[in-house]
Amino acid sequence: MLDKSSKIYIAGHNGLVGSAIWNNLEQRGYRNLVGRSHKELDLLDPAAVKVFFDEEQPDAVVLAAAHVGGIMANLQYRADFIYENLQIQQNVIGESFRHGVKKLLFLGSTCIYPRMACQPMAEDALLTSELEYTNEPYAIAKIAGLKMCESFSIQYGCNYVAVMPTNLYGPNDNFHLENSHVLPAMIRKVYLAKCLNEKDWDAVRKDLDLRPVNGVCGSNTDEEILAELNKFGITPESVTLWGTGKPMREFLWSEDMADASVHVLLNVDFKDTYPEGCKEIRNCHINVGTGLEVTIREVAEKVVDTIGFKGLLLWDDTKPDGTPRKLTDVTKLHSLGWHHTVDIDDGVAILYEWYRKGICINHQTI
């Protein structure tokens, strides 16, 4: 059992979920938290990870660090996604075991489920048929991570629990136009198109100064900026998004995910994740989501309405859609005492305001 003095290492504490978990724990009175940036600790380096565990001796570990990205990144960098995630998991879970960590929470992804899994996807849908091709390497790495947690807990009596969040979005998200997930990419694309549509070049330049696109920043000419943004389907008249817009997706606010993670970390043990007395212990991971879904097109329209873009919303159906549906069955999570609080309508508005304010605040320091 963890108490307020327990030392908790959060791997990936600067990321979308890791930072939210850190804040959630602090709000609950947990102050003995440890984090390292990538510059301070390369989780791909087994020797460095061992030295870190030797020195810090954490009581608990939250493994929120991962190499992540959207469809384009997963297609282009398949080797990176499987290798780096397997390496991170191997190093952190392995050293946690060797150093007697009392509790480990592993964060995965619902992309672990088969492409055509029955909806909603319960935990026992795992490994029942083929994965979605576009993110197969990442999914295999995450399956390996949850199976490591399961196997160490079964063989050695460890208390390692894995949670599988659905599509996440929220403060500190990655808004890279090529490598981010669907919702933050939408928000940035529509915001930039709105600025171009309204001829607000000052806002466009502030955005690009904070997050340059392939080397193009606020100091580039209007023509150079327009040409670069056009590559990503952003023009003054329209925004073009990948696919048909028909796939269904479930979205979870990152601070809700953090709250669910901390709830599991503090209140759920490995023995609580499977039926008592079962002969084959498997699928002990826990889905984390809302149990609600919308189409990608509906989400895009919410973003357009929230931001106030007056141009056209277009779809490039020559690009892949990804998995048709990814709705989680959250029965297990609800039975363990947690429910979400932020719905997609409120979440889109909150995230857009966070993004817009962040540009203004950061631009003052540039």
Protein backbone atom coordinates (compact mmCIF):
# COMPACT_ATOMS: atom_id res chain seq x y z
CA MET A 1 0.00 0.00 0.00
CA LEU A 2 1.34 3.41 -0.95
CA ASP A 3 1.19 6.30 1.49
CA LYS A 4 1.86 10.02 1.13
CA SER A 5 5.59 9.50 1.80
CA SER A 6 6.04 6.81 -0.87
CA LYS A 7 8.52 7.72 -3.60
CA ILE A 8 6.76 7.51 -6.97
CA TYR A 9 8.72 7.66 -10.23
CA ILE A 10 6.68 8.91 -13.18
CA ALA A 11 8.41 7.99 -16.43
CA GLY A 12 7.24 10.50 -19.04
CA HIS A 13 6.26 13.16 -16.50
CA ASN A 14 6.49 15.97 -19.09
CA GLY A 15 4.08 14.32 -21.53
CA LEU A 16 0.35 14.60 -22.01
CA VAL A 17 -0.66 11.95 -19.47
CA GLY A 18 2.46 11.92 -17.32
CA SER A 19 2.18 15.60 -16.47
CA ALA A 20 -1.51 15.18 -15.63
CA ILE A 21 -0.74 12.19 -13.37
CA TRP A 22 1.97 14.21 -11.60
CA ASN A 23 -0.48 17.07 -10.96
CA ASN A 24 -3.20 14.67 -9.80
CA LEU A 25 -0.89 13.01 -7.29
CA GLU A 26 0.27 16.39 -5.98
CA GLN A 27 -3.32 17.50 -5.54
CA ARG A 28 -3.91 14.37 -3.45
CA GLY A 29 -0.96 15.24 -1.20
CA TYR A 30 1.71 13.00 -2.72
CA ARG A 31 4.87 15.11 -2.77
CA ASN A 32 7.68 12.54 -3.04
CA LEU A 33 7.52 12.42 -6.82
CA VAL A 34 10.45 11.77 -9.15
CA GLY A 35 10.71 12.64 -12.83
CA ARG A 36 13.48 12.90 -15.40
CA SER A 37 13.40 14.59 -18.78
CA HIS A 38 14.67 12.72 -21.84
CA LYS A 39 17.87 14.80 -21.67
CA GLU A 40 18.39 13.76 -18.05
CA LEU A 41 17.58 10.07 -18.55
CA ASP A 42 17.42 8.18 -21.85
CA LEU A 43 15.03 5.30 -21.19
CA LEU A 44 16.43 3.51 -24.25
CA ASP A 45 19.77 3.16 -22.42
CA PRO A 46 19.65 0.14 -20.07
CA ALA A 47 22.78 1.17 -18.19
CA ALA A 48 21.42 4.65 -17.51
CA VAL A 49 18.08 3.26 -16.35
CA LYS A 50 19.85 0.88 -13.96
CA VAL A 51 21.90 3.72 -12.47
CA PHE A 52 18.73 5.77 -12.00
CA PHE A 53 16.97 2.95 -10.12
CA ASP A 54 20.11 2.28 -8.05
CA GLU A 55 20.17 5.90 -6.94
CA GLU A 56 16.46 6.65 -6.51
CA GLN A 57 15.03 3.31 -5.28
CA PRO A 58 11.40 4.24 -6.00
CA ASP A 59 8.54 2.56 -4.17
CA ALA A 60 6.22 2.81 -7.17
CA VAL A 61 6.58 3.42 -10.89
CA VAL A 62 4.17 4.88 -13.42
CA LEU A 63 5.32 4.02 -16.94
CA ALA A 64 3.74 6.77 -19.04
CA ALA A 65 6.76 7.27 -21.31
CA ALA A 66 6.32 6.04 -24.89
CA HIS A 67 7.13 6.82 -28.50
CA VAL A 68 3.72 7.86 -29.88
CA GLY A 69 2.18 9.45 -32.98
CA GLY A 70 -0.69 9.48 -35.45
CA ILE A 71 -1.39 7.41 -38.57
CA MET A 72 1.25 9.09 -40.75
CA ALA A 73 4.01 8.68 -38.18
CA ASN A 74 3.05 5.07 -37.45
CA LEU A 75 3.18 4.24 -41.16
CA GLN A 76 6.51 5.95 -41.84
CA TYR A 77 8.46 4.98 -38.71
CA ARG A 78 7.32 1.42 -38.04
CA ALA A 79 10.70 0.21 -36.79
CA ASP A 80 11.06 3.15 -34.40
CA PHE A 81 7.63 2.54 -32.88
CA ILE A 82 8.20 -1.13 -32.09
CA TYR A 83 11.88 -0.92 -31.14
CA GLU A 84 11.76 2.16 -28.92
CA ASN A 85 8.64 1.14 -27.05
CA LEU A 86 9.87 -2.40 -26.45
CA GLN A 87 13.20 -1.04 -25.24
CA ILE A 88 11.62 1.48 -22.85
CA GLN A 89 9.33 -1.19 -21.39
CA GLN A 90 12.07 -3.77 -21.08
CA ASN A 91 14.34 -1.35 -19.24
CA VAL A 92 11.81 0.22 -16.87
CA ILE A 93 9.81 -2.91 -16.02
CA GLY A 94 12.98 -4.98 -15.71
CA GLU A 95 14.68 -2.56 -13.32
CA SER A 96 11.45 -2.16 -11.35
CA PHE A 97 11.49 -5.92 -10.75
CA ARG A 98 15.18 -6.03 -9.88
CA HIS A 99 14.78 -3.16 -7.41
CA GLY A 100 11.71 -4.53 -5.66
CA VAL A 101 9.25 -1.82 -6.71
CA LYS A 102 6.02 -2.34 -4.75
CA LYS A 103 3.59 -1.15 -7.43
CA LEU A 104 3.92 -0.49 -11.15
CA LEU A 105 1.31 1.07 -13.42
CA PHE A 106 1.82 0.56 -17.16
CA LEU A 107 0.01 2.77 -19.67
CA GLY A 108 -0.80 1.19 -23.00
CA SER A 109 -3.36 1.94 -25.71
CA THR A 110 -6.61 0.51 -27.04
CA CYS A 111 -4.88 0.01 -30.40
CA ILE A 112 -3.87 -3.37 -28.89
CA TYR A 113 -7.24 -4.72 -30.00
CA PRO A 114 -7.95 -6.37 -33.38
CA ARG A 115 -8.97 -4.16 -36.27
CA MET A 116 -12.38 -5.81 -36.52
CA ALA A 117 -12.95 -6.53 -32.83
CA CYS A 118 -16.53 -6.76 -31.62
CA GLN A 119 -17.76 -3.43 -30.29
CA PRO A 120 -17.50 -2.30 -27.59
CA MET A 121 -14.09 -3.94 -27.05
CA ALA A 122 -13.83 -5.84 -23.80
CA GLU A 123 -10.46 -6.82 -22.36
CA ASP A 124 -10.87 -10.42 -23.53
CA ALA A 125 -10.93 -9.29 -27.20
CA LEU A 126 -7.13 -9.14 -27.04
CA LEU A 127 -5.30 -11.41 -29.53
CA THR A 128 -8.50 -12.77 -31.08
CA SER A 129 -7.71 -11.63 -34.67
CA GLU A 130 -5.39 -9.43 -36.75
CA LEU A 131 -4.39 -5.92 -35.76
CA GLU A 132 -4.87 -2.68 -37.70
CA TYR A 133 -1.98 -2.52 -40.18
CA THR A 134 -1.25 1.20 -39.80
CA ASN A 135 -0.24 0.92 -36.13
CA GLU A 136 0.60 -2.78 -35.82
CA PRO A 137 4.22 -2.29 -34.60
CA TYR A 138 3.14 0.10 -31.82
CA ALA A 139 0.26 -2.19 -30.83
CA ILE A 140 2.55 -5.23 -30.61
CA ALA A 141 4.93 -3.31 -28.35
CA LYS A 142 2.06 -2.32 -26.04
CA ILE A 143 0.74 -5.90 -25.97
CA ALA A 144 4.22 -7.04 -24.95
CA GLY A 145 4.23 -4.43 -22.15
CA LEU A 146 0.93 -5.49 -20.66
CA LYS A 147 1.93 -9.16 -20.93
CA MET A 148 5.19 -8.38 -19.12
CA CYS A 149 3.18 -6.85 -16.27
CA GLU A 150 0.81 -9.81 -16.24
CA SER A 151 3.61 -12.39 -16.39
CA PHE A 152 5.78 -10.83 -13.66
CA SER A 153 2.73 -10.59 -11.42
CA ILE A 154 1.73 -14.22 -12.02
CA GLN A 155 5.20 -15.75 -11.71
CA TYR A 156 6.77 -13.56 -9.04
CA GLY A 157 3.78 -12.14 -7.19
CA CYS A 158 4.49 -8.58 -8.34
CA ASN A 159 1.80 -5.92 -8.22
CA TYR A 160 2.02 -4.62 -11.78
CA VAL A 161 -1.21 -3.35 -13.35
CA ALA A 162 -1.75 -2.21 -16.96
CA VAL A 163 -4.32 0.32 -18.12
CA MET A 164 -5.32 0.81 -21.76
CA PRO A 165 -6.58 4.34 -22.48
CA THR A 166 -8.63 5.24 -25.53
CA ASN A 167 -7.78 8.29 -27.71
CA LEU A 168 -6.47 10.98 -25.38
CA TYR A 169 -6.42 14.75 -25.67
CA GLY A 170 -5.79 17.61 -23.26
CA PRO A 171 -3.30 20.17 -21.89
CA ASN A 172 0.35 19.63 -22.93
CA ASP A 173 -0.77 17.68 -25.98
CA ASN A 174 1.46 17.39 -29.06
CA PHE A 175 0.22 19.70 -31.83
CA HIS A 176 2.76 18.68 -34.46
CA LEU A 177 0.99 18.74 -37.84
CA GLU A 178 2.47 15.43 -38.96
CA ASN A 179 3.13 13.36 -35.84
CA SER A 180 0.36 14.27 -33.41
CA HIS A 181 -2.87 12.42 -32.72
CA VAL A 182 -6.08 13.26 -34.52
CA LEU A 183 -7.76 15.83 -32.25
CA PRO A 184 -4.82 18.15 -31.47
CA ALA A 185 -3.83 18.07 -35.16
CA MET A 186 -7.39 19.06 -36.10
CA ILE A 187 -7.42 21.94 -33.65
CA ARG A 188 -4.17 23.38 -34.93
CA LYS A 189 -5.08 22.95 -38.60
CA VAL A 190 -8.46 24.61 -38.20
CA TYR A 191 -7.00 27.39 -36.04
CA LEU A 192 -4.33 28.21 -38.63
CA ALA A 193 -6.88 28.11 -41.44
CA LYS A 194 -9.11 30.50 -39.49
CA CYS A 195 -6.21 32.91 -39.00
CA LEU A 196 -5.39 32.77 -42.72
CA ASN A 197 -9.05 33.19 -43.64
CA GLU A 198 -9.24 36.32 -41.46
CA LYS A 199 -5.84 37.54 -42.70
CA ASP A 200 -4.54 37.52 -39.13
CA TRP A 201 -0.91 37.06 -40.08
CA ASP A 202 0.29 38.13 -36.64
CA ALA A 203 -1.50 35.11 -35.09
CA VAL A 204 -0.14 32.78 -37.80
CA ARG A 205 3.42 33.95 -37.16
CA LYS A 206 3.07 33.61 -33.40
CA ASP A 207 1.88 30.02 -33.87
CA LEU A 208 4.75 29.13 -36.19
CA ASP A 209 7.31 30.80 -33.94
CA LEU A 210 6.18 28.54 -31.10
CA ARG A 211 5.87 25.41 -33.23
CA PRO A 212 7.78 25.69 -36.55
CA VAL A 213 6.66 23.43 -39.39
CA ASN A 214 9.55 21.80 -41.26
CA GLY A 215 11.75 24.79 -40.47
CA VAL A 216 9.12 27.35 -41.50
CA CYS A 217 8.50 29.87 -38.71
CA GLY A 218 7.08 33.34 -38.24
CA SER A 219 10.03 35.04 -39.94
CA ASN A 220 9.34 33.34 -43.29
CA THR A 221 7.52 35.19 -46.07
CA ASP A 222 3.76 34.96 -46.55
CA GLU A 223 4.30 32.86 -49.67
CA GLU A 224 6.61 30.40 -47.91
CA ILE A 225 4.18 30.01 -45.03
CA LEU A 226 1.21 29.46 -47.34
CA ALA A 227 3.13 26.90 -49.40
CA GLU A 228 4.18 24.90 -46.32
CA LEU A 229 0.76 24.92 -44.67
CA ASN A 230 -0.86 23.91 -47.95
CA LYS A 231 1.13 20.65 -47.77
CA PHE A 232 -0.94 19.81 -44.68
CA GLY A 233 -4.25 20.76 -46.22
CA ILE A 234 -4.40 24.20 -44.61
CA THR A 235 -5.48 27.13 -46.80
CA PRO A 236 -7.42 30.36 -46.20
CA GLU A 237 -10.46 28.78 -47.84
CA SER A 238 -10.43 25.24 -46.48
CA VAL A 239 -9.00 22.52 -44.25
CA THR A 240 -8.47 19.05 -45.71
CA LEU A 241 -8.31 16.11 -43.31
CA TRP A 242 -7.22 12.52 -43.92
CA GLY A 243 -9.69 9.77 -44.77
CA THR A 244 -13.46 9.82 -45.10
CA GLY A 245 -14.36 11.04 -41.63
CA LYS A 246 -16.55 7.94 -41.15
CA PRO A 247 -14.54 5.99 -38.52
CA MET A 248 -15.93 6.08 -35.00
CA ARG A 249 -13.68 7.16 -32.16
CA GLU A 250 -13.89 7.49 -28.40
CA PHE A 251 -12.05 10.43 -26.83
CA LEU A 252 -10.89 10.76 -23.23
CA TRP A 253 -9.73 13.99 -21.55
CA SER A 254 -6.15 13.51 -20.37
CA GLU A 255 -6.87 14.76 -16.85
CA ASP A 256 -9.65 12.17 -16.60
CA MET A 257 -7.12 9.56 -17.72
CA ALA A 258 -4.75 10.79 -15.03
CA ASP A 259 -7.44 10.52 -12.38
CA ALA A 260 -8.30 6.99 -13.49
CA SER A 261 -4.60 6.06 -13.46
CA VAL A 262 -4.06 7.39 -9.97
CA HIS A 263 -7.24 5.67 -8.79
CA VAL A 264 -5.88 2.35 -10.09
CA LEU A 265 -2.39 3.03 -8.72
CA LEU A 266 -3.71 3.69 -5.21
CA ASN A 267 -6.72 1.39 -4.99
CA VAL A 268 -6.46 -1.52 -7.43
CA ASP A 269 -4.08 -4.47 -7.04
CA PHE A 270 -3.22 -7.10 -9.64
CA LYS A 271 -5.43 -9.64 -7.86
CA ASP A 272 -8.42 -7.33 -8.47
CA THR A 273 -8.02 -7.45 -12.27
CA TYR A 274 -9.20 -11.02 -12.93
CA PRO A 275 -11.97 -13.31 -11.63
CA GLU A 276 -11.12 -15.17 -8.45
CA GLY A 277 -10.41 -18.84 -8.96
CA CYS A 278 -9.90 -18.75 -12.74
CA LYS A 279 -7.52 -21.42 -14.06
CA GLU A 280 -5.94 -19.29 -16.78
CA ILE A 281 -5.08 -15.76 -15.66
CA ARG A 282 -5.02 -13.47 -18.69
CA ASN A 283 -6.37 -10.18 -20.01
CA CYS A 284 -5.75 -8.52 -16.65
CA HIS A 285 -5.38 -5.08 -18.18
CA ILE A 286 -8.06 -2.43 -17.64
CA ASN A 287 -9.70 -0.37 -20.39
CA VAL A 288 -9.92 3.34 -19.60
CA GLY A 289 -12.41 5.38 -21.59
CA THR A 290 -15.84 6.95 -21.65
CA GLY A 291 -17.79 4.18 -23.36
CA LEU A 292 -19.08 6.83 -25.80
CA GLU A 293 -18.14 7.36 -29.46
CA VAL A 294 -18.48 9.89 -32.27
CA THR A 295 -17.36 9.91 -35.91
CA ILE A 296 -14.15 11.68 -36.89
CA ARG A 297 -16.33 13.92 -39.08
CA GLU A 298 -18.49 14.89 -36.08
CA VAL A 299 -15.41 15.74 -34.03
CA ALA A 300 -14.00 17.83 -36.88
CA GLU A 301 -17.27 19.73 -37.14
CA LYS A 302 -17.19 20.39 -33.38
CA VAL A 303 -13.66 21.79 -33.78
CA VAL A 304 -14.71 24.00 -36.70
CA ASP A 305 -17.71 25.33 -34.77
CA THR A 306 -15.68 25.90 -31.59
CA ILE A 307 -12.89 27.77 -33.37
CA GLY A 308 -15.26 29.66 -35.67
CA PHE A 309 -13.65 28.80 -39.01
CA LYS A 310 -15.83 30.02 -41.91
CA GLY A 311 -14.14 28.02 -44.69
CA LEU A 312 -14.76 24.53 -46.04
CA LEU A 313 -14.04 21.24 -44.28
CA LEU A 314 -12.78 18.75 -46.91
CA TRP A 315 -11.77 15.07 -46.77
CA ASP A 316 -9.03 13.25 -48.69
CA ASP A 317 -10.40 9.73 -49.10
CA THR A 318 -7.19 8.57 -50.79
CA LYS A 319 -5.60 8.58 -47.33
CA PRO A 320 -6.17 5.75 -44.80
CA ASP A 321 -8.97 5.88 -42.24
CA GLY A 322 -7.41 3.50 -39.75
CA THR A 323 -9.55 1.18 -37.64
CA PRO A 324 -13.30 1.59 -38.39
CA ARG A 325 -14.35 1.60 -34.72
CA LYS A 326 -12.49 1.63 -31.40
CA LEU A 327 -15.07 1.77 -28.62
CA THR A 328 -13.99 0.40 -25.27
CA ASP A 329 -16.06 -1.66 -22.90
CA VAL A 330 -15.40 0.07 -19.57
CA THR A 331 -17.40 -2.35 -17.41
CA LYS A 332 -14.29 -3.49 -15.51
CA LEU A 333 -13.20 0.09 -14.86
CA HIS A 334 -16.64 1.07 -13.57
CA SER A 335 -16.70 -2.00 -11.31
CA LEU A 336 -13.40 -0.82 -9.83
CA GLY A 337 -14.97 2.51 -8.88
CA TRP A 338 -14.09 5.09 -11.55
CA HIS A 339 -16.15 7.04 -14.16
CA HIS A 340 -15.15 9.87 -16.53
CA THR A 341 -16.23 13.49 -15.94
CA VAL A 342 -15.36 15.48 -19.12
CA ASP A 343 -17.38 14.92 -22.31
CA ILE A 344 -16.09 15.70 -25.81
CA ASP A 345 -18.06 18.96 -26.30
CA ASP A 346 -16.57 20.54 -23.19
CA GLY A 347 -13.15 19.01 -23.83
CA VAL A 348 -12.75 20.48 -27.33
CA ALA A 349 -13.62 23.95 -26.06
CA ILE A 350 -11.26 23.71 -23.08
CA LEU A 351 -8.37 22.39 -25.17
CA TYR A 352 -8.78 25.07 -27.84
CA GLU A 353 -8.73 27.79 -25.20
CA TRP A 354 -5.60 26.22 -23.64
CA TYR A 355 -3.91 26.11 -27.06
CA ARG A 356 -4.83 29.68 -27.96
CA LYS A 357 -3.71 31.09 -24.62
CA GLY A 358 -0.48 29.11 -24.78
CA ILE A 359 0.49 30.81 -28.04
CA CYS A 360 -0.03 34.26 -26.53
CA ILE A 361 1.80 33.48 -23.29
CA ASN A 362 4.77 31.76 -24.93
CA HIS A 363 5.09 34.42 -27.61
CA GLN A 364 5.72 37.05 -24.93
CA THR A 365 8.88 35.17 -23.92
CA ILE A 366 10.24 34.58 -27.45
